[in-house]
N, C-alpha and C. Protein backbone atom coordinates (compact mmCIF):
# COMPACT_ATOMS: atom_id res chain seq x y z
N MET A 1 4.53 2.45 19.96
CA MET A 1 4.76 2.95 18.49
C MET A 1 3.27 2.21 17.83
N GLY A 2 2.89 3.16 17.10
CA GLY A 2 1.48 3.17 16.06
C GLY A 2 2.04 2.31 14.97
N THR A 3 0.99 1.78 14.30
CA THR A 3 0.94 1.06 13.47
C THR A 3 -0.14 1.22 12.59
N PHE A 4 0.23 1.20 10.93
CA PHE A 4 -0.75 1.32 10.10
C PHE A 4 -1.23 -0.05 9.54
N VAL A 5 -2.55 -0.26 9.63
CA VAL A 5 -3.32 -1.52 9.31
C VAL A 5 -4.20 -1.17 7.99
N ILE A 6 -3.62 -2.04 7.06
CA ILE A 6 -4.51 -2.16 5.76
C ILE A 6 -5.72 -3.34 5.92
N ALA A 7 -6.82 -3.05 5.44
CA ALA A 7 -8.02 -3.96 5.67
C ALA A 7 -8.67 -3.99 4.19
N GLN A 8 -9.60 -4.70 4.22
CA GLN A 8 -10.59 -4.78 3.06
C GLN A 8 -11.99 -4.43 3.60
N ARG A 9 -12.84 -3.71 3.06
CA ARG A 9 -14.37 -3.18 3.56
C ARG A 9 -15.14 -4.46 3.11
N LEU A 10 -16.17 -4.75 3.38
CA LEU A 10 -17.24 -5.69 2.90
C LEU A 10 -17.61 -5.62 1.57
N SER A 11 -17.78 -4.00 1.16
CA SER A 11 -17.72 -3.51 -0.11
C SER A 11 -16.74 -3.98 -1.12
N GLY A 12 -15.65 -4.41 -0.56
CA GLY A 12 -14.36 -4.74 -1.71
C GLY A 12 -13.29 -3.77 -1.74
N VAL A 13 -13.49 -2.64 -1.07
CA VAL A 13 -12.68 -1.31 -1.28
C VAL A 13 -11.72 -1.50 0.01
N TYR A 14 -10.47 -0.96 -0.23
CA TYR A 14 -9.53 -1.00 0.69
C TYR A 14 -9.47 0.56 1.49
N LYS A 15 -8.96 0.43 2.73
CA LYS A 15 -8.79 1.35 3.74
C LYS A 15 -7.43 1.09 4.49
N TYR A 16 -6.93 2.14 5.16
CA TYR A 16 -6.26 1.82 6.18
C TYR A 16 -6.53 2.64 7.40
N GLU A 17 -5.94 2.13 8.69
CA GLU A 17 -6.25 2.73 9.87
C GLU A 17 -4.61 2.91 10.47
N PHE A 18 -4.69 4.11 11.28
CA PHE A 18 -3.43 4.25 12.16
C PHE A 18 -3.91 3.85 13.63
N VAL A 19 -3.53 2.93 14.19
CA VAL A 19 -3.86 2.34 15.33
C VAL A 19 -2.67 2.67 16.27
N SER A 20 -3.10 3.10 17.49
CA SER A 20 -2.06 3.58 18.77
C SER A 20 -1.51 2.33 19.12
N ARG A 21 -0.49 2.31 19.98
CA ARG A 21 0.32 1.47 20.65
C ARG A 21 -0.37 0.55 21.75
N LYS A 22 -1.40 1.27 21.97
CA LYS A 22 -2.37 0.68 22.71
C LYS A 22 -3.43 -0.20 22.17
N GLY A 23 -3.80 -0.16 20.80
CA GLY A 23 -4.56 -0.95 20.07
C GLY A 23 -5.83 -0.25 19.48
N LYS A 24 -5.70 1.04 19.96
CA LYS A 24 -7.07 1.83 19.50
C LYS A 24 -6.73 2.40 18.12
N THR A 25 -7.74 2.57 17.45
CA THR A 25 -7.98 3.14 16.12
C THR A 25 -7.92 4.62 16.48
N ILE A 26 -6.96 5.44 15.97
CA ILE A 26 -7.01 6.63 15.74
C ILE A 26 -7.62 7.29 14.47
N PHE A 27 -7.29 7.00 13.38
CA PHE A 27 -7.96 7.39 12.19
C PHE A 27 -8.08 6.39 11.27
N THR A 28 -8.83 6.77 10.55
CA THR A 28 -9.35 5.82 9.31
C THR A 28 -9.25 6.34 8.02
N SER A 29 -8.59 5.90 6.99
CA SER A 29 -8.58 6.68 5.79
C SER A 29 -9.59 6.73 4.62
N ASN A 30 -9.82 7.23 3.69
CA ASN A 30 -10.61 7.24 2.85
C ASN A 30 -10.57 5.85 2.06
N ASP A 31 -11.51 5.48 1.00
CA ASP A 31 -11.73 4.24 0.51
C ASP A 31 -10.67 4.43 -0.84
N PHE A 32 -10.11 3.18 -0.98
CA PHE A 32 -9.23 2.98 -2.15
C PHE A 32 -9.64 1.49 -2.93
N GLU A 33 -9.47 1.80 -4.25
CA GLU A 33 -10.12 0.73 -5.32
C GLU A 33 -8.89 -0.61 -5.30
N LEU A 34 -7.63 -0.21 -5.11
CA LEU A 34 -6.53 -1.20 -5.12
C LEU A 34 -5.93 -0.80 -3.87
N ARG A 35 -5.21 -2.31 -3.19
CA ARG A 35 -4.31 -2.15 -2.13
C ARG A 35 -3.29 -1.39 -2.13
N PHE A 36 -2.62 -1.31 -3.31
CA PHE A 36 -1.19 -0.63 -3.47
C PHE A 36 -1.40 0.86 -3.28
N GLU A 37 -2.67 1.17 -3.80
CA GLU A 37 -2.90 2.77 -3.41
C GLU A 37 -2.73 3.11 -1.85
N CYS A 38 -3.33 2.50 -1.08
CA CYS A 38 -3.25 2.37 0.47
C CYS A 38 -1.70 2.65 0.56
N GLU A 39 -0.63 1.42 0.28
CA GLU A 39 0.60 1.84 0.70
C GLU A 39 1.36 2.86 0.18
N GLU A 40 0.65 3.35 -0.66
CA GLU A 40 1.59 4.77 -1.35
C GLU A 40 1.07 5.84 -0.82
N GLU A 41 -0.17 5.91 -0.07
CA GLU A 41 -0.74 7.00 0.57
C GLU A 41 0.12 7.08 1.85
N ILE A 42 0.42 5.77 2.73
CA ILE A 42 0.76 5.49 3.70
C ILE A 42 2.05 6.11 3.63
N GLU A 43 2.90 5.91 2.52
CA GLU A 43 4.17 6.40 2.19
C GLU A 43 4.07 7.83 2.26
N LYS A 44 3.33 8.41 1.43
CA LYS A 44 3.15 9.99 1.30
C LYS A 44 2.95 10.43 2.45
N LEU A 45 2.17 9.90 3.34
CA LEU A 45 1.62 10.47 4.71
C LEU A 45 3.25 10.50 5.67
N LYS A 46 3.57 9.41 5.37
CA LYS A 46 4.81 9.38 6.36
C LYS A 46 6.01 10.26 6.00
N SER A 47 6.26 10.53 4.83
CA SER A 47 7.16 11.53 4.36
C SER A 47 6.77 13.07 4.16
N SER A 48 5.54 13.33 4.46
CA SER A 48 5.23 14.62 4.57
C SER A 48 4.45 15.19 5.75
N LEU A 49 4.51 14.43 6.90
CA LEU A 49 3.85 14.58 8.25
C LEU A 49 4.02 16.00 8.49
N GLU A 50 4.85 16.90 8.38
CA GLU A 50 4.99 18.11 8.73
C GLU A 50 4.19 19.06 7.83
N ARG A 51 3.44 18.63 6.82
CA ARG A 51 2.81 19.33 6.13
C ARG A 51 1.08 19.03 6.46
N CYS A 52 0.95 18.11 7.31
CA CYS A 52 -0.38 17.81 7.44
C CYS A 52 -1.11 18.81 8.48
N VAL A 53 -2.40 18.89 8.06
CA VAL A 53 -3.11 19.85 8.90
C VAL A 53 -4.31 19.04 9.63
N PHE A 54 -4.33 19.23 10.99
CA PHE A 54 -5.52 18.65 11.69
C PHE A 54 -6.46 19.36 11.88
N MET A 55 -7.91 19.44 11.25
CA MET A 55 -8.73 20.19 11.31
C MET A 55 -9.75 19.52 12.47
N ARG A 56 -9.87 20.41 13.68
CA ARG A 56 -10.90 19.85 14.72
C ARG A 56 -12.12 19.99 14.55
N PHE A 57 -13.10 19.32 15.06
CA PHE A 57 -14.63 19.74 14.75
C PHE A 57 -15.25 19.14 16.22
N LYS A 58 -16.36 19.44 16.31
CA LYS A 58 -17.07 18.81 17.23
C LYS A 58 -18.70 18.11 16.64
N SER A 59 -18.84 17.12 17.06
CA SER A 59 -20.29 16.47 16.50
C SER A 59 -21.40 17.09 17.15
N SER A 60 -22.58 16.72 16.69
CA SER A 60 -23.73 17.10 17.33
C SER A 60 -24.11 16.45 18.57
N SER A 61 -23.30 15.36 18.90
CA SER A 61 -23.65 14.70 20.05
C SER A 61 -22.41 15.07 20.93
N GLY A 62 -21.75 15.82 20.63
CA GLY A 62 -20.83 16.44 21.70
C GLY A 62 -19.34 15.88 21.76
N LYS A 63 -19.08 15.07 20.51
CA LYS A 63 -17.81 14.23 20.68
C LYS A 63 -17.02 14.92 19.84
N PHE A 64 -15.58 14.88 20.12
CA PHE A 64 -14.37 15.57 19.25
C PHE A 64 -13.88 14.94 18.13
N PHE A 65 -13.58 15.08 17.08
CA PHE A 65 -12.94 14.63 16.12
C PHE A 65 -12.07 15.29 15.22
N PHE A 66 -11.26 14.74 14.56
CA PHE A 66 -10.33 15.78 13.24
C PHE A 66 -10.30 15.06 12.23
N ARG A 67 -10.24 15.93 11.04
CA ARG A 67 -9.62 15.23 9.60
C ARG A 67 -8.37 15.71 9.26
N LEU A 68 -7.91 14.83 8.87
CA LEU A 68 -6.35 14.98 8.21
C LEU A 68 -6.38 15.28 6.90
N ILE A 69 -5.70 16.46 6.77
CA ILE A 69 -5.78 17.06 5.45
C ILE A 69 -4.28 17.23 5.15
N LEU A 70 -3.95 16.88 4.02
CA LEU A 70 -2.51 16.81 3.12
C LEU A 70 -2.73 17.27 1.92
N ASP A 71 -1.90 18.29 1.39
CA ASP A 71 -2.27 19.06 0.28
C ASP A 71 -3.46 19.46 -0.09
N GLU A 72 -4.30 20.14 0.51
CA GLU A 72 -5.86 20.29 0.59
C GLU A 72 -6.44 19.49 0.39
N HIS A 73 -6.33 18.03 0.45
CA HIS A 73 -7.12 17.03 0.42
C HIS A 73 -7.26 16.21 1.41
N GLU A 74 -8.69 15.80 2.00
CA GLU A 74 -8.87 15.18 3.19
C GLU A 74 -8.47 13.85 2.93
N ILE A 75 -7.55 13.23 3.65
CA ILE A 75 -7.22 11.64 3.66
C ILE A 75 -7.65 10.82 4.62
N ALA A 76 -8.08 11.53 5.63
CA ALA A 76 -8.83 10.32 6.78
C ALA A 76 -9.46 11.11 7.72
N VAL A 77 -10.02 10.55 8.60
CA VAL A 77 -11.15 11.03 9.70
C VAL A 77 -10.84 10.25 10.84
N SER A 78 -10.71 10.99 11.85
CA SER A 78 -10.37 10.16 13.13
C SER A 78 -11.63 9.67 13.97
N ARG A 79 -11.27 8.85 14.91
CA ARG A 79 -12.56 8.27 15.78
C ARG A 79 -13.18 9.23 16.31
N ARG A 80 -14.26 9.17 17.32
CA ARG A 80 -14.72 9.94 18.12
C ARG A 80 -13.90 10.18 19.47
N TYR A 81 -13.83 11.52 19.97
CA TYR A 81 -13.09 11.32 21.40
C TYR A 81 -14.05 12.17 22.20
N THR A 82 -14.17 11.85 23.58
CA THR A 82 -14.98 12.32 24.63
C THR A 82 -14.66 13.76 24.90
N THR A 83 -13.20 14.00 24.86
CA THR A 83 -12.51 15.22 25.33
C THR A 83 -11.57 15.74 24.45
N GLN A 84 -11.33 16.94 24.59
CA GLN A 84 -10.42 18.05 23.62
C GLN A 84 -8.92 17.31 24.06
N LEU A 85 -8.99 17.09 24.96
CA LEU A 85 -7.80 16.26 25.74
C LEU A 85 -7.12 15.14 25.14
N LEU A 86 -8.06 14.30 24.99
CA LEU A 86 -8.03 12.97 24.33
C LEU A 86 -7.75 12.88 22.82
N LEU A 87 -8.43 14.06 22.36
CA LEU A 87 -8.15 14.26 20.92
C LEU A 87 -6.94 14.65 20.72
N GLN A 88 -6.47 15.54 21.30
CA GLN A 88 -4.94 16.10 21.16
C GLN A 88 -4.02 14.95 21.53
N LYS A 89 -4.28 14.03 22.40
CA LYS A 89 -3.33 13.10 22.68
C LYS A 89 -3.35 12.19 21.41
N GLY A 90 -4.50 12.03 20.81
CA GLY A 90 -4.61 11.01 19.40
C GLY A 90 -3.41 11.83 18.34
N ILE A 91 -3.57 13.22 18.08
CA ILE A 91 -2.99 13.82 17.15
C ILE A 91 -1.55 13.87 17.58
N ASP A 92 -1.01 13.92 18.74
CA ASP A 92 0.31 13.95 19.36
C ASP A 92 1.11 12.34 18.86
N GLU A 93 -0.05 11.47 19.07
CA GLU A 93 0.70 10.28 18.74
C GLU A 93 0.92 9.86 17.22
N ILE A 94 0.11 10.49 16.24
CA ILE A 94 0.52 10.63 15.03
C ILE A 94 1.72 11.33 14.86
N ILE A 95 1.80 12.51 15.36
CA ILE A 95 3.14 13.21 15.18
C ILE A 95 4.20 12.63 15.52
N LYS A 96 4.23 12.04 16.69
CA LYS A 96 5.24 11.32 17.23
C LYS A 96 5.67 10.03 16.53
N TYR A 97 4.88 9.11 16.35
CA TYR A 97 5.02 7.92 15.86
C TYR A 97 4.61 7.18 14.23
N ALA A 98 3.87 8.23 13.80
CA ALA A 98 3.18 7.87 12.21
C ALA A 98 4.58 7.82 11.28
N ASP A 99 5.49 8.50 11.40
CA ASP A 99 6.87 8.33 10.54
C ASP A 99 7.65 7.37 10.34
N LYS A 100 7.61 6.52 11.51
CA LYS A 100 8.37 5.38 12.04
C LYS A 100 7.65 4.26 12.09
N ALA A 101 6.16 4.32 11.74
CA ALA A 101 5.23 3.01 12.05
C ALA A 101 5.52 2.22 10.65
N GLU A 102 5.20 0.97 11.14
CA GLU A 102 5.04 -0.04 10.12
C GLU A 102 3.70 -0.15 9.62
N PHE A 103 3.50 -1.32 8.59
CA PHE A 103 2.20 -1.26 8.46
C PHE A 103 1.99 -2.72 8.07
N LEU A 104 0.84 -3.40 8.67
CA LEU A 104 0.55 -4.65 8.52
C LEU A 104 -0.74 -4.77 7.53
N ASP A 105 -0.68 -5.64 6.73
CA ASP A 105 -1.89 -5.97 5.75
C ASP A 105 -2.69 -7.07 6.35
N PHE A 106 -4.11 -6.76 6.44
CA PHE A 106 -5.21 -7.69 6.82
C PHE A 106 -6.08 -7.98 5.82
N SER A 107 -5.58 -7.35 4.47
CA SER A 107 -6.51 -7.29 3.49
C SER A 107 -6.84 -8.58 2.69
N SER A 108 -6.04 -9.64 3.08
CA SER A 108 -6.16 -11.16 2.18
C SER A 108 -7.42 -11.33 2.36
N ALA A 109 -8.07 -12.73 1.31
CA ALA A 109 -9.41 -13.16 1.52
C ALA A 109 -9.31 -14.17 2.56
N GLU A 110 -8.09 -14.81 3.01
CA GLU A 110 -8.00 -15.68 3.99
C GLU A 110 -8.22 -14.95 5.51
N ASP A 111 -9.04 -15.84 6.30
CA ASP A 111 -9.24 -15.49 7.78
C ASP A 111 -8.08 -15.80 8.34
N ILE A 112 -8.07 -15.76 9.63
CA ILE A 112 -6.74 -15.74 10.52
C ILE A 112 -6.69 -17.40 10.67
N PHE A 113 -7.39 -18.36 10.17
CA PHE A 113 -7.26 -19.79 10.10
C PHE A 113 -6.98 -20.50 9.01
N GLY A 114 -6.91 -19.39 7.98
CA GLY A 114 -6.67 -20.48 6.66
C GLY A 114 -7.63 -20.44 5.76
N ASN A 115 -8.77 -20.19 6.28
CA ASN A 115 -10.11 -20.60 5.45
C ASN A 115 -10.56 -19.36 4.48
N LEU A 116 -11.11 -19.74 3.34
CA LEU A 116 -11.41 -18.88 2.53
C LEU A 116 -12.98 -18.31 2.65
């Protein structure tokens, strides 16, 4: 089962990632100014997964990736895959598990040891 992970970038903006059951990032969202915006978009994505479009691309270095489009807006970009088969497996994992996935919030200012 995949998981949505909310994190804060060094610039202070928030993002979320969809991580596979094996712990690999499948896609990373656009940036958000507020953390709750990430949660809202995750819920929107989960409830309207059937309307999502996966636009597939090949980079100049020969790697494959997709852009996740919902209601004519790009909401996320996948990691780079070495083959089209691995790209399809990433998409299949989203379709199969995203609507049931929970989310973890790693955006707080404290690190894992409780230090600021």
